């Protein structure tokens, strides 16, 4: 996948400690910005949406 972009939560102080994502019409890939040549996690778009929804939930709602 191409067109990697850093997380919107990456600030100037921790810009090298974040994840990057790349999207296609059917999949989303995630990689560590510190080690872009290493492994990536690629999920179908609906699974990535479910993954994000789970991360956004507070511990009380899990």
PDB file of N, CA and C in Angstrom:
ATOM      1  N   UNK A   1       0.848  -1.174   0.000  1.00  0.00           N
ATOM      2  CA  UNK A   1       0.000   0.000   0.000  1.00  0.00           C
ATOM      3  C   UNK A   1       0.896   1.240   0.000  1.00  0.00           C
ATOM      4  N   UNK A   2       0.413   2.278  -0.555  1.00  0.00           N
ATOM      5  CA  UNK A   2       1.157   3.532  -0.612  1.00  0.00           C
ATOM      6  C   UNK A   2       0.394   4.607   0.156  1.00  0.00           C
ATOM      7  N   UNK A   3       0.882   5.825   0.087  1.00  0.00           N
ATOM      8  CA  UNK A   3       0.214   6.977   0.711  1.00  0.00           C
ATOM      9  C   UNK A   3       0.082   6.844   2.225  1.00  0.00           C
ATOM     10  N   UNK A   4       1.167   6.502   2.891  1.00  0.00           N
ATOM     11  CA  UNK A   4       1.164   6.408   4.340  1.00  0.00           C
ATOM     12  C   UNK A   4       1.035   7.793   4.951  1.00  0.00           C
ATOM     13  N   UNK A   5       0.289   7.890   6.034  1.00  0.00           N
ATOM     14  CA  UNK A   5       0.172   9.164   6.761  1.00  0.00           C
ATOM     15  C   UNK A   5       0.188   8.880   8.253  1.00  0.00           C
ATOM     16  N   UNK A   6       0.736   9.831   8.997  1.00  0.00           N
ATOM     17  CA  UNK A   6       0.856   9.661  10.443  1.00  0.00           C
ATOM     18  C   UNK A   6      -0.471   9.919  11.133  1.00  0.00           C
ATOM     19  N   UNK A   7      -0.587   9.330  12.291  1.00  0.00           N
ATOM     20  CA  UNK A   7      -1.761   9.529  13.123  1.00  0.00           C
ATOM     21  C   UNK A   7      -1.976  11.016  13.395  1.00  0.00           C
ATOM     22  N   UNK A   8      -3.220  11.418  13.462  1.00  0.00           N
ATOM     23  CA  UNK A   8      -3.536  12.812  13.782  1.00  0.00           C
ATOM     24  C   UNK A   8      -3.152  13.154  15.214  1.00  0.00           C
ATOM     25  N   UNK A   9      -2.871  12.151  16.041  1.00  0.00           N
ATOM     26  CA  UNK A   9      -2.471  12.376  17.422  1.00  0.00           C
ATOM     27  C   UNK A   9      -0.964  12.579  17.561  1.00  0.00           C
ATOM     28  N   UNK A  10      -0.233  12.521  16.462  1.00  0.00           N
ATOM     29  CA  UNK A  10       1.217  12.729  16.518  1.00  0.00           C
ATOM     30  C   UNK A  10       1.496  14.203  16.712  1.00  0.00           C
ATOM     31  N   UNK A  11       2.163  14.508  17.789  1.00  0.00           N
ATOM     32  CA  UNK A  11       2.519  15.890  18.060  1.00  0.00           C
ATOM     33  C   UNK A  11       3.973  16.141  17.722  1.00  0.00           C
ATOM     34  N   UNK A  12       4.416  17.381  17.860  1.00  0.00           N
ATOM     35  CA  UNK A  12       5.801  17.698  17.525  1.00  0.00           C
ATOM     36  C   UNK A  12       6.808  17.011  18.446  1.00  0.00           C
ATOM     37  N   UNK A  13       6.419  16.742  19.688  1.00  0.00           N
ATOM     38  CA  UNK A  13       7.351  16.120  20.626  1.00  0.00           C
ATOM     39  C   UNK A  13       7.465  14.617  20.448  1.00  0.00           C
ATOM     40  N   UNK A  14       6.394  13.978  20.022  1.00  0.00           N
ATOM     41  CA  UNK A  14       6.434  12.521  19.867  1.00  0.00           C
ATOM     42  C   UNK A  14       6.130  12.093  18.439  1.00  0.00           C
ATOM     43  N   UNK A  15       6.474  12.915  17.502  1.00  0.00           N
ATOM     44  CA  UNK A  15       6.173  12.628  16.100  1.00  0.00           C
ATOM     45  C   UNK A  15       6.796  11.365  15.563  1.00  0.00           C
ATOM     46  N   UNK A  16       7.848  10.872  16.241  1.00  0.00           N
ATOM     47  CA  UNK A  16       8.471   9.635  15.785  1.00  0.00           C
ATOM     48  C   UNK A  16       7.939   8.415  16.522  1.00  0.00           C
ATOM     49  N   UNK A  17       7.046   8.613  17.447  1.00  0.00           N
ATOM     50  CA  UNK A  17       6.482   7.510  18.226  1.00  0.00           C
ATOM     51  C   UNK A  17       4.994   7.390  17.955  1.00  0.00           C
ATOM     52  N   UNK A  18       4.676   7.016  16.756  1.00  0.00           N
ATOM     53  CA  UNK A  18       3.260   6.930  16.410  1.00  0.00           C
ATOM     54  C   UNK A  18       3.047   5.845  15.373  1.00  0.00           C
ATOM     55  N   UNK A  19       1.824   5.699  14.981  1.00  0.00           N
ATOM     56  CA  UNK A  19       1.499   4.766  13.917  1.00  0.00           C
ATOM     57  C   UNK A  19       1.197   5.553  12.652  1.00  0.00           C
ATOM     58  N   UNK A  20       1.342   4.868  11.536  1.00  0.00           N
ATOM     59  CA  UNK A  20       0.968   5.426  10.246  1.00  0.00           C
ATOM     60  C   UNK A  20      -0.083   4.496   9.654  1.00  0.00           C
ATOM     61  N   UNK A  21      -0.967   5.075   8.863  1.00  0.00           N
ATOM     62  CA  UNK A  21      -1.966   4.253   8.187  1.00  0.00           C
ATOM     63  C   UNK A  21      -1.943   4.542   6.696  1.00  0.00           C
ATOM     64  N   UNK A  22      -2.376   3.555   5.947  1.00  0.00           N
ATOM     65  CA  UNK A  22      -2.539   3.682   4.508  1.00  0.00           C
ATOM     66  C   UNK A  22      -3.863   3.008   4.165  1.00  0.00           C
ATOM     67  N   UNK A  23      -4.643   3.646   3.330  1.00  0.00           N
ATOM     68  CA  UNK A  23      -5.972   3.112   3.025  1.00  0.00           C
ATOM     69  C   UNK A  23      -6.122   2.803   1.539  1.00  0.00           C
ATOM     70  N   UNK A  24      -6.979   1.845   1.275  1.00  0.00           N
ATOM     71  CA  UNK A  24      -7.421   1.533  -0.077  1.00  0.00           C
ATOM     72  C   UNK A  24      -8.942   1.399   0.017  1.00  0.00           C
ATOM     73  N   UNK A  25      -9.621   1.228  -1.083  1.00  0.00           N
ATOM     74  CA  UNK A  25     -11.081   1.083  -0.987  1.00  0.00           C
ATOM     75  C   UNK A  25     -11.529  -0.121  -0.152  1.00  0.00           C
ATOM     76  N   UNK A  26     -10.678  -1.132  -0.016  1.00  0.00           N
ATOM     77  CA  UNK A  26     -11.104  -2.348   0.676  1.00  0.00           C
ATOM     78  C   UNK A  26     -10.325  -2.684   1.939  1.00  0.00           C
ATOM     79  N   UNK A  27      -9.159  -2.049   2.161  1.00  0.00           N
ATOM     80  CA  UNK A  27      -8.307  -2.406   3.293  1.00  0.00           C
ATOM     81  C   UNK A  27      -7.671  -1.174   3.928  1.00  0.00           C
ATOM     82  N   UNK A  28      -7.247  -1.350   5.182  1.00  0.00           N
ATOM     83  CA  UNK A  28      -6.472  -0.337   5.900  1.00  0.00           C
ATOM     84  C   UNK A  28      -5.234  -1.040   6.446  1.00  0.00           C
ATOM     85  N   UNK A  29      -4.074  -0.436   6.248  1.00  0.00           N
ATOM     86  CA  UNK A  29      -2.832  -0.985   6.791  1.00  0.00           C
ATOM     87  C   UNK A  29      -2.286  -0.043   7.849  1.00  0.00           C
ATOM     88  N   UNK A  30      -1.675  -0.628   8.882  1.00  0.00           N
ATOM     89  CA  UNK A  30      -1.126   0.119  10.010  1.00  0.00           C
ATOM     90  C   UNK A  30       0.325  -0.315  10.186  1.00  0.00           C
ATOM     91  N   UNK A  31       1.214   0.656  10.451  1.00  0.00           N
ATOM     92  CA  UNK A  31       2.610   0.317  10.723  1.00  0.00           C
ATOM     93  C   UNK A  31       3.182   1.277  11.757  1.00  0.00           C
ATOM     94  N   UNK A  32       4.281   0.889  12.347  1.00  0.00           N
ATOM     95  CA  UNK A  32       4.993   1.701  13.326  1.00  0.00           C
ATOM     96  C   UNK A  32       5.862   2.698  12.575  1.00  0.00           C
ATOM     97  N   UNK A  33       5.717   3.976  12.879  1.00  0.00           N
ATOM     98  CA  UNK A  33       6.481   4.989  12.151  1.00  0.00           C
ATOM     99  C   UNK A  33       7.978   4.901  12.439  1.00  0.00           C
ATOM    100  N   UNK A  34       8.364   4.317  13.571  1.00  0.00           N
ATOM    101  CA  UNK A  34       9.782   4.166  13.895  1.00  0.00           C
ATOM    102  C   UNK A  34      10.435   3.064  13.078  1.00  0.00           C
ATOM    103  N   UNK A  35       9.646   2.105  12.610  1.00  0.00           N
ATOM    104  CA  UNK A  35      10.170   0.956  11.868  1.00  0.00           C
ATOM    105  C   UNK A  35       9.297   0.672  10.651  1.00  0.00           C
ATOM    106  N   UNK A  36       9.224   1.579   9.696  1.00  0.00           N
ATOM    107  CA  UNK A  36       8.305   1.397   8.576  1.00  0.00           C
ATOM    108  C   UNK A  36       8.598   0.199   7.690  1.00  0.00           C
ATOM    109  N   UNK A  37       9.828  -0.300   7.705  1.00  0.00           N
ATOM    110  CA  UNK A  37      10.162  -1.448   6.864  1.00  0.00           C
ATOM    111  C   UNK A  37       9.778  -2.777   7.514  1.00  0.00           C
ATOM    112  N   UNK A  38       9.398  -2.725   8.775  1.00  0.00           N
ATOM    113  CA  UNK A  38       9.026  -3.963   9.469  1.00  0.00           C
ATOM    114  C   UNK A  38       7.580  -4.314   9.166  1.00  0.00           C
ATOM    115  N   UNK A  39       7.018  -5.169   9.941  1.00  0.00           N
ATOM    116  CA  UNK A  39       5.686  -5.711   9.696  1.00  0.00           C
ATOM    117  C   UNK A  39       4.589  -4.646   9.697  1.00  0.00           C
ATOM    118  N   UNK A  40       3.586  -4.886   8.894  1.00  0.00           N
ATOM    119  CA  UNK A  40       2.380  -4.055   8.891  1.00  0.00           C
ATOM    120  C   UNK A  40       1.190  -4.948   9.227  1.00  0.00           C
ATOM    121  N   UNK A  41       0.172  -4.321   9.753  1.00  0.00           N
ATOM    122  CA  UNK A  41      -1.086  -5.004  10.041  1.00  0.00           C
ATOM    123  C   UNK A  41      -2.089  -4.501   9.018  1.00  0.00           C
ATOM    124  N   UNK A  42      -2.637  -5.402   8.205  1.00  0.00           N
ATOM    125  CA  UNK A  42      -3.604  -5.021   7.183  1.00  0.00           C
ATOM    126  C   UNK A  42      -4.934  -5.695   7.490  1.00  0.00           C
ATOM    127  N   UNK A  43      -5.974  -4.873   7.551  1.00  0.00           N
ATOM    128  CA  UNK A  43      -7.315  -5.354   7.874  1.00  0.00           C
ATOM    129  C   UNK A  43      -8.301  -4.933   6.797  1.00  0.00           C
ATOM    130  N   UNK A  44      -9.344  -5.736   6.563  1.00  0.00           N
ATOM    131  CA  UNK A  44     -10.433  -5.255   5.722  1.00  0.00           C
ATOM    132  C   UNK A  44     -11.040  -4.012   6.380  1.00  0.00           C
ATOM    133  N   UNK A  45     -11.513  -3.084   5.592  1.00  0.00           N
ATOM    134  CA  UNK A  45     -12.030  -1.824   6.122  1.00  0.00           C
ATOM    135  C   UNK A  45     -13.085  -2.025   7.215  1.00  0.00           C
ATOM    136  N   UNK A  46     -14.063  -2.921   7.054  1.00  0.00           N
ATOM    137  CA  UNK A  46     -15.047  -3.089   8.146  1.00  0.00           C
ATOM    138  C   UNK A  46     -14.408  -3.574   9.456  1.00  0.00           C
ATOM    139  N   UNK A  47     -13.393  -4.426   9.367  1.00  0.00           N
ATOM    140  CA  UNK A  47     -12.711  -4.902  10.575  1.00  0.00           C
ATOM    141  C   UNK A  47     -11.932  -3.771  11.228  1.00  0.00           C
ATOM    142  N   UNK A  48     -11.330  -2.902  10.441  1.00  0.00           N
ATOM    143  CA  UNK A  48     -10.602  -1.756  10.994  1.00  0.00           C
ATOM    144  C   UNK A  48     -11.564  -0.822  11.719  1.00  0.00           C
ATOM    145  N   UNK A  49     -12.732  -0.609  11.156  1.00  0.00           N
ATOM    146  CA  UNK A  49     -13.744   0.238  11.797  1.00  0.00           C
ATOM    147  C   UNK A  49     -14.153  -0.356  13.142  1.00  0.00           C
ATOM    148  N   UNK A  50     -14.352  -1.653  13.196  1.00  0.00           N
ATOM    149  CA  UNK A  50     -14.695  -2.328  14.447  1.00  0.00           C
ATOM    150  C   UNK A  50     -13.555  -2.192  15.456  1.00  0.00           C
ATOM    151  N   UNK A  51     -12.317  -2.339  14.982  1.00  0.00           N
ATOM    152  CA  UNK A  51     -11.139  -2.178  15.823  1.00  0.00           C
ATOM    153  C   UNK A  51     -11.091  -0.778  16.437  1.00  0.00           C
ATOM    154  N   UNK A  52     -11.296   0.246  15.629  1.00  0.00           N
ATOM    155  CA  UNK A  52     -11.293   1.620  16.140  1.00  0.00           C
ATOM    156  C   UNK A  52     -12.416   1.861  17.132  1.00  0.00           C
ATOM    157  N   UNK A  53     -13.597   1.356  16.825  1.00  0.00           N
ATOM    158  CA  UNK A  53     -14.721   1.518  17.751  1.00  0.00           C
ATOM    159  C   UNK A  53     -14.398   0.907  19.112  1.00  0.00           C
ATOM    160  N   UNK A  54     -13.740  -0.247  19.117  1.00  0.00           N
ATOM    161  CA  UNK A  54     -13.373  -0.893  20.380  1.00  0.00           C
ATOM    162  C   UNK A  54     -12.353  -0.048  21.139  1.00  0.00           C
ATOM    163  N   UNK A  55     -11.416   0.548  20.439  1.00  0.00           N
ATOM    164  CA  UNK A  55     -10.413   1.387  21.102  1.00  0.00           C
ATOM    165  C   UNK A  55     -11.020   2.656  21.689  1.00  0.00           C
ATOM    166  N   UNK A  56     -12.054   3.175  21.067  1.00  0.00           N
ATOM    167  CA  UNK A  56     -12.668   4.419  21.525  1.00  0.00           C
ATOM    168  C   UNK A  56     -13.540   4.232  22.752  1.00  0.00           C
ATOM    169  N   UNK A  57     -13.996   3.021  22.980  1.00  0.00           N
ATOM    170  CA  UNK A  57     -14.850   2.772  24.142  1.00  0.00           C
ATOM    171  C   UNK A  57     -14.043   2.926  25.419  1.00  0.00           C
ATOM    172  N   UNK A  58     -14.689   3.470  26.421  1.00  0.00           N
ATOM    173  CA  UNK A  58     -14.047   3.605  27.726  1.00  0.00           C
ATOM    174  C   UNK A  58     -14.006   2.235  28.405  1.00  0.00           C
ATOM    175  N   UNK A  59     -13.121   2.055  29.364  1.00  0.00           N
ATOM    176  CA  UNK A  59     -13.071   0.765  30.068  1.00  0.00           C
ATOM    177  C   UNK A  59     -14.417   0.394  30.691  1.00  0.00           C
ATOM    178  N   UNK A  60     -15.191   1.365  31.076  1.00  0.00           N
ATOM    179  CA  UNK A  60     -16.476   1.085  31.705  1.00  0.00           C
ATOM    180  C   UNK A  60     -17.489   0.483  30.733  1.00  0.00           C
ATOM    181  N   UNK A  61     -17.307   0.729  29.433  1.00  0.00           N
ATOM    182  CA  UNK A  61     -18.279   0.213  28.458  1.00  0.00           C
ATOM    183  C   UNK A  61     -17.805  -1.048  27.758  1.00  0.00           C
ATOM    184  N   UNK A  62     -16.643  -1.540  28.116  1.00  0.00           N
ATOM    185  CA  UNK A  62     -16.113  -2.757  27.478  1.00  0.00           C
ATOM    186  C   UNK A  62     -16.707  -3.983  28.086  1.00  0.00           C
TER     187      UNK A  62
END
